[in-house]
Amino acid sequence: MRLAPTPAEAKAWEVLQRLGFERQVSITTPRHRSAGATNGWILDLFHRKKKLCVELDGGVHARTKGRDGRRDRALRAIGIATLRFPNSFVLKQPQLFQLRVVETLNGMGEEEEKAPA
């Protein structure tokens, strides 16, 4: 876990903290527990109620797409959806970044709300 956020993480936190997101949340999946790990992944930003993870990808992620995909699938298996954004997008277009996250949050759980009683 980093002590200081990256510029993109700081900007994302600035625009998302009022929406109920937490930052740098540690999540342990069943795979980690079965391997005896004491920690799992650190999520950049996490909305517990909606189970939405927002990940900010810097240059290193161009080389780690396979690992990122496996991580996203493992999180999905425990009910956590992941949105990924390039750092540059968050820094250059913070309002659009916020809008996309809000649209995703608003669209989550619609099936449950529309189900007949």
C-alpha atoms as a PDB file:
ATOM      1  CA  MET A   1       0.000   0.000   0.000  1.00  0.00           C
ATOM      2  CA  ARG A   2       1.388   3.378  -0.975  1.00  0.00           C
ATOM      3  CA  LEU A   3       1.547   6.106   1.632  1.00  0.00           C
ATOM      4  CA  ALA A   4       1.008   8.920  -0.850  1.00  0.00           C
ATOM      5  CA  PRO A   5      -1.579   8.695  -3.642  1.00  0.00           C
ATOM      6  CA  THR A   6      -0.610   9.217  -7.254  1.00  0.00           C
ATOM      7  CA  PRO A   7      -1.902  12.454  -8.847  1.00  0.00           C
ATOM      8  CA  ALA A   8      -4.656  10.464 -10.607  1.00  0.00           C
ATOM      9  CA  GLU A   9      -5.674   8.755  -7.350  1.00  0.00           C
ATOM     10  CA  ALA A  10      -5.814  12.115  -5.572  1.00  0.00           C
ATOM     11  CA  LYS A  11      -8.016  13.586  -8.327  1.00  0.00           C
ATOM     12  CA  ALA A  12     -10.296  10.529  -8.388  1.00  0.00           C
ATOM     13  CA  TRP A  13     -10.663  10.663  -4.610  1.00  0.00           C
ATOM     14  CA  GLU A  14     -11.474  14.360  -4.816  1.00  0.00           C
ATOM     15  CA  VAL A  15     -14.401  13.727  -7.181  1.00  0.00           C
ATOM     16  CA  LEU A  16     -15.663  10.404  -5.757  1.00  0.00           C
ATOM     17  CA  GLN A  17     -15.345  10.632  -1.975  1.00  0.00           C
ATOM     18  CA  ARG A  18     -18.768  12.285  -1.601  1.00  0.00           C
ATOM     19  CA  LEU A  19     -20.330   9.301  -3.383  1.00  0.00           C
ATOM     20  CA  GLY A  20     -19.388   6.841  -0.649  1.00  0.00           C
ATOM     21  CA  PHE A  21     -16.116   5.488  -2.030  1.00  0.00           C
ATOM     22  CA  GLU A  22     -13.253   4.403   0.193  1.00  0.00           C
ATOM     23  CA  ARG A  23      -9.680   4.364  -1.018  1.00  0.00           C
ATOM     24  CA  GLN A  24      -6.985   1.711  -0.839  1.00  0.00           C
ATOM     25  CA  VAL A  25      -9.272  -1.035   0.480  1.00  0.00           C
ATOM     26  CA  SER A  26      -7.742  -4.476   1.024  1.00  0.00           C
ATOM     27  CA  ILE A  27      -9.818  -7.371  -0.348  1.00  0.00           C
ATOM     28  CA  THR A  28      -9.001 -11.039   0.193  1.00  0.00           C
ATOM     29  CA  THR A  29     -10.610 -13.514  -2.205  1.00  0.00           C
ATOM     30  CA  PRO A  30     -11.174 -17.239  -1.563  1.00  0.00           C
ATOM     31  CA  ARG A  31      -8.110 -17.916  -3.755  1.00  0.00           C
ATOM     32  CA  HIS A  32      -5.952 -15.864  -1.399  1.00  0.00           C
ATOM     33  CA  ARG A  33      -7.416 -17.544   1.691  1.00  0.00           C
ATOM     34  CA  SER A  34      -6.884 -21.068   0.321  1.00  0.00           C
ATOM     35  CA  ALA A  35      -3.265 -20.174  -0.426  1.00  0.00           C
ATOM     36  CA  GLY A  36      -2.830 -19.000   3.157  1.00  0.00           C
ATOM     37  CA  ALA A  37      -2.246 -15.378   2.178  1.00  0.00           C
ATOM     38  CA  THR A  38      -2.761 -12.764   4.848  1.00  0.00           C
ATOM     39  CA  ASN A  39      -3.748 -10.106   2.348  1.00  0.00           C
ATOM     40  CA  GLY A  40      -5.161  -9.948  -1.134  1.00  0.00           C
ATOM     41  CA  TRP A  41      -5.441  -6.953  -3.398  1.00  0.00           C
ATOM     42  CA  ILE A  42      -5.545  -3.267  -2.667  1.00  0.00           C
ATOM     43  CA  LEU A  43      -8.415  -1.641  -4.554  1.00  0.00           C
ATOM     44  CA  ASP A  44      -7.781   1.970  -5.588  1.00  0.00           C
ATOM     45  CA  LEU A  45     -11.354   3.051  -4.796  1.00  0.00           C
ATOM     46  CA  PHE A  46     -14.209   0.883  -3.526  1.00  0.00           C
ATOM     47  CA  HIS A  47     -17.931   1.463  -2.983  1.00  0.00           C
ATOM     48  CA  ARG A  48     -18.961  -1.189  -0.443  1.00  0.00           C
ATOM     49  CA  LYS A  49     -22.740  -0.796  -0.784  1.00  0.00           C
ATOM     50  CA  LYS A  50     -22.696  -1.228  -4.575  1.00  0.00           C
ATOM     51  CA  LYS A  51     -19.602  -3.485  -4.584  1.00  0.00           C
ATOM     52  CA  LEU A  52     -17.922  -1.389  -7.259  1.00  0.00           C
ATOM     53  CA  CYS A  53     -14.154  -1.124  -7.573  1.00  0.00           C
ATOM     54  CA  VAL A  54     -12.640   1.776  -9.547  1.00  0.00           C
ATOM     55  CA  GLU A  55      -9.097   1.125 -10.716  1.00  0.00           C
ATOM     56  CA  LEU A  56      -6.790   3.774 -12.141  1.00  0.00           C
ATOM     57  CA  ASP A  57      -4.276   2.432 -14.602  1.00  0.00           C
ATOM     58  CA  GLY A  58      -0.903   4.003 -15.217  1.00  0.00           C
ATOM     59  CA  GLY A  59       1.690   3.042 -17.812  1.00  0.00           C
ATOM     60  CA  VAL A  60       2.616  -0.260 -16.147  1.00  0.00           C
ATOM     61  CA  HIS A  61      -0.877  -1.613 -16.841  1.00  0.00           C
ATOM     62  CA  ALA A  62      -0.146  -1.799 -20.567  1.00  0.00           C
ATOM     63  CA  ARG A  63       2.163  -4.686 -19.652  1.00  0.00           C
ATOM     64  CA  THR A  64      -0.128  -6.272 -17.019  1.00  0.00           C
ATOM     65  CA  LYS A  65      -3.449  -6.593 -18.895  1.00  0.00           C
ATOM     66  CA  GLY A  66      -3.517 -10.366 -18.420  1.00  0.00           C
ATOM     67  CA  ARG A  67      -2.949 -10.092 -14.690  1.00  0.00           C
ATOM     68  CA  ASP A  68      -5.468  -7.245 -14.435  1.00  0.00           C
ATOM     69  CA  GLY A  69      -8.047  -9.360 -16.274  1.00  0.00           C
ATOM     70  CA  ARG A  70      -7.524 -12.310 -13.916  1.00  0.00           C
ATOM     71  CA  ARG A  71      -7.860  -9.989 -10.952  1.00  0.00           C
ATOM     72  CA  ASP A  72     -11.072  -8.456 -12.324  1.00  0.00           C
ATOM     73  CA  ARG A  73     -12.549 -11.949 -12.911  1.00  0.00           C
ATOM     74  CA  ALA A  74     -11.629 -13.050  -9.374  1.00  0.00           C
ATOM     75  CA  LEU A  75     -13.279  -9.937  -7.941  1.00  0.00           C
ATOM     76  CA  ARG A  76     -16.376 -10.525 -10.088  1.00  0.00           C
ATOM     77  CA  ALA A  77     -16.550 -14.073  -8.709  1.00  0.00           C
ATOM     78  CA  ILE A  78     -17.068 -12.614  -5.238  1.00  0.00           C
ATOM     79  CA  GLY A  79     -19.579 -10.049  -6.472  1.00  0.00           C
ATOM     80  CA  ILE A  80     -17.338  -7.017  -7.045  1.00  0.00           C
ATOM     81  CA  ALA A  81     -17.550  -5.184 -10.377  1.00  0.00           C
ATOM     82  CA  THR A  82     -14.488  -3.317 -11.658  1.00  0.00           C
ATOM     83  CA  LEU A  83     -14.255  -0.127 -13.712  1.00  0.00           C
ATOM     84  CA  ARG A  84     -10.829   0.743 -15.114  1.00  0.00           C
ATOM     85  CA  PHE A  85      -9.723   4.185 -16.248  1.00  0.00           C
ATOM     86  CA  PRO A  86      -6.364   5.411 -17.543  1.00  0.00           C
ATOM     87  CA  ASN A  87      -4.676   7.901 -15.227  1.00  0.00           C
ATOM     88  CA  SER A  88      -4.570  10.421 -18.067  1.00  0.00           C
ATOM     89  CA  PHE A  89      -8.376  10.303 -18.475  1.00  0.00           C
ATOM     90  CA  VAL A  90      -8.954  11.008 -14.781  1.00  0.00           C
ATOM     91  CA  LEU A  91      -6.495  13.906 -14.796  1.00  0.00           C
ATOM     92  CA  LYS A  92      -7.639  15.483 -18.085  1.00  0.00           C
ATOM     93  CA  GLN A  93     -11.385  14.885 -17.842  1.00  0.00           C
ATOM     94  CA  PRO A  94     -12.355  14.544 -14.158  1.00  0.00           C
ATOM     95  CA  GLN A  95     -15.983  15.573 -14.731  1.00  0.00           C
ATOM     96  CA  LEU A  96     -16.476  12.924 -17.428  1.00  0.00           C
ATOM     97  CA  PHE A  97     -14.723  10.375 -15.213  1.00  0.00           C
ATOM     98  CA  GLN A  98     -17.142  11.198 -12.391  1.00  0.00           C
ATOM     99  CA  LEU A  99     -20.134  11.030 -14.752  1.00  0.00           C
ATOM    100  CA  ARG A 100     -19.167   7.551 -15.980  1.00  0.00           C
ATOM    101  CA  VAL A 101     -18.777   6.284 -12.430  1.00  0.00           C
ATOM    102  CA  VAL A 102     -22.115   7.812 -11.373  1.00  0.00           C
ATOM    103  CA  GLU A 103     -23.866   6.286 -14.402  1.00  0.00           C
ATOM    104  CA  THR A 104     -22.445   2.897 -13.472  1.00  0.00           C
ATOM    105  CA  LEU A 105     -23.519   3.256  -9.840  1.00  0.00           C
ATOM    106  CA  ASN A 106     -27.016   4.302 -10.905  1.00  0.00           C
ATOM    107  CA  GLY A 107     -27.287   1.315 -13.248  1.00  0.00           C
ATOM    108  CA  MET A 108     -26.222  -1.224 -10.648  1.00  0.00           C
ATOM    109  CA  GLY A 109     -28.953  -3.206  -8.980  1.00  0.00           C
ATOM    110  CA  GLU A 110     -31.677  -2.139 -11.410  1.00  0.00           C
ATOM    111  CA  GLU A 111     -32.768  -5.754 -11.914  1.00  0.00           C
ATOM    112  CA  GLU A 112     -33.378  -6.209  -8.190  1.00  0.00           C
ATOM    113  CA  GLU A 113     -35.333  -2.955  -7.975  1.00  0.00           C
ATOM    114  CA  LYS A 114     -37.534  -3.850 -10.989  1.00  0.00           C
ATOM    115  CA  ALA A 115     -38.278  -7.401  -9.849  1.00  0.00           C
ATOM    116  CA  PRO A 116     -41.936  -7.995  -8.916  1.00  0.00           C
ATOM    117  CA  ALA A 117     -42.678  -8.183  -5.203  1.00  0.00           C
END
